[in-house]
Amino acid sequence: MTVKPEKVEKHGSVIPICKPELRPYEGQKFSSLEEGISFYEKYAQESCFDCRRFGNRSSGGVIIFQYVVCNRQGFHTVDSLDVDVSVSEDGNVSDDDEVSSKKRRRRGTKRCGCGARISFKFFSDFGDKYYLVHQFVEEHNHAMVDKDHKRFMKGNRSLNDVHYKFVEDCTKANIGPTSTFNLLKEFFGGYDVVGCTLNDVRNCSRDIKEKLKEVDVQMILNQMQEKKRICEGFFYKYQLSPEDNKLVSLFWSDAESRKHYHMFGDVVAFDTTYSTNKYRMVFGPFTGKDNHGCPIAFGAGFVSGENCDAFSWLFTVFVECMGVAPRIIITDQDWGMRLAIEKVLPGTRHRLCMWHIMSKLFEKIPKSISDREKFSKEFKSCVWSELLDPDEFDILWTSIVEKYSVEDHKWFKDMFLIRHMWIPAFFRDVPMGSLMRTTSFSESENSFFKRYSKPLFNFADFTLQYNNAIDAQRNQTERLDYYDSVITPKYVTDLAFEKQLASVYTDRMFRVVQEFIVEADKSCRMINMSTLENIEVFKVSDARKKIFTVTHEIETESYECSNKDDKLQIANRCHGRYFGLYQRAFRNKDHLIALDNLLAGIGPQIFKDDCAGSSSLDKNDSIMNIYGIVVPEEITAHAPDVVSTKGGASDKKSRIKSSIEKAIEKANKPHRRCGKCHKVTDHNARSCGRKET
């Protein structure tokens, strides 16, 4: 049972109980006013009530009277509908405190007209200045706070240097007030000793952010200016509006990022995102892939709009920073970006991000297509293939869209018209063109930065967390570099070039290449090599003993493979062309008749010297193709007779069904509406009313 630190006098007054040495008395002397107030505050803490300074009287700049009262003094006169912290229905508070909307709710008041108070009076005797307790009223008209609740009293809550340092460090680590408070509680050892409440931590964070209002942009510009002074390799540029000097656009890149661009900047992805700052400025990082195949940042920028002029400025400054434009830039289908690239980066190949395009595929498939999954699978295998050349891609695309009757669908027509901007088949001629698989690459990089940002960040918060993200990215690269320095890869073949590639690639990329080496080792071997001027010719045999000729033009670093036995490739091409023609002609009878006549005329021209029948030959060939075994001419072993076994009849219809099977069959039988009783059931008008046996 909890005992309250109080004793109740007549008429309901309450006198707190405390140690005698902590209880003030009238005439008590203090060398300063702060000493006296501090003494009374300690008395209030021990007695389990809060106090506050109420007012004072001054003369000649000196406080001659100071009043301190119980914090429940007076009566609350403000509207009872007050603003309080936002709390969800389940009682939890979101860690995204900056985005939590304020909610108005009814809350009570602590004021009850308590008369407990103390006053201090100033004295000066022959140069000796001091304060005396002039009046001390210890009776309260309310109960004292329970000792188990003392930690919630305002007088027992204060943020000291440890608390402030902890809040600052958590802010740097992008940890919100709720998680900060939970960590503080664990650090100190519990709620009763943490020394503050969640609201105290929130208010501390709020006050810091309030201080940054109107100065955060200047802060980061000053910071970038200082970085530029320290390191010449740091680059930044910005634009301000001429009328009010507000930030319009900003780009920055440090020396390390600029070095990485010249190492890995052949292919650059640029994508924009919005929910990173309170000003709704568009954030656009320039990213690529390093020698480990990991995302790497080259620079980043903010622009105020998504028009051609805004992106033109950003791309121009990017090239100014790096000194050279990228070979390929990957973006989404934003029209402003496209115009800006054509204007500013004329020598750069523009490739559209396939993730943005293919993410819309399922919603674009017409509902008239019954098997949407099958269509999606065929379509993806077509667009993602890196083995097709442009002509082969056109044939395959046409056959698929005509097969499913979507050749006139606007989205598919539009995507086909710009196929040169996103289909891998059209980038086979570009060195390093297949280095970056565009599926969700830009999106995943933006997602990476979003993990370090919040929608209502000011610029100071954003750049702090952006730098943290870059540090994490570089730490990952250094960790992989470390592994490369201490790990020796395991070889899976006896091929010399596998060891040579292991010395060229990083361990992470070598493991990717090694899969192709294993596949190649299983399927083909080089049997001959010759050199003619600047061309190397390789003879390669595959697992089926087919001979391929691979030519390597040394000057252009181009390769070409031809198959001496290319019957299968020709057959596939013939099938694709026939199927495409058939699908196009199917909707018009005259076209079908014309195609039929054409095919009928082609047959005698092709097979004029072939008089052999085809029926039995085709069947034997089919059996050979399917089972890989020749049909025997001499039969010495025959198939057995059908044997009746226990539990099964030779004829399924002759087997007597059990009652359980009948019940299951009846339950699975689709119901229909009876024409007599009009109920949806398992009987009809003729059997309506009969008893089921």
Foldseek 3Di string as FASTA:
>chain_A
DFDAQWDADPPQWIFGHADPVLDDDFFDKFQDPVVVVVSVLVSCLRRFFHKDWDDFDDDPNHTFKTKMFTPQADDDDDPQFDKDQDADPVRDDDLPRVPDDIDTDGDDDSHDNWDFMWMWGWDADPNRIIITTHDGDRITNDTGDTPVCSLVHPSQADQDPVNVVLLVVCLLVVGGLVVSLVVLQVVQPHDSRSRHDSVVSVVVVVVVVVVCPPPQVVVVVVVQVVVCVVPVLKDKDFDADPPPRHTAKIKIFGNVLLVQCVVWVQEWEWEWDFLFAQVRWIKIWIWGAGLLRDIATNIIMTHRDLAQVRLLVVQQVSCVSNVHDHQEYEYAPRPSNVNSCVVRVVNHQYAYQVQNVLVCVLVQPDPVQPCSVVLNVQVCCLQADLPDAPVRSVLSLLLSCLVRVCCVPVSSVVCVVVVCRYRNNNCPLPVCSPVDRRNCPSVVVVVLLVVQGGRHHHNNSSVSSVVVSNVVSVVVVVVQVVCQVPDDDDADDPDPVLVVVNVVGRPSVSVVVNVVVVVCVQFKDWDDWDDDVQKIWTWMATPVRWTKIWIARNVSRDIDIDTPPCPVVVVVVVVSVVSSQCSVQVVPPVSVVVVVVVVVVVVCVVCVVPPDDDDVVVVQVVCCVVVVDGDDPDDDDDDDDDDQDPPDGPDNVPDDDDPVVVVVVQVPDAWDAEPPPRDGGSDHVVCPPPDDD
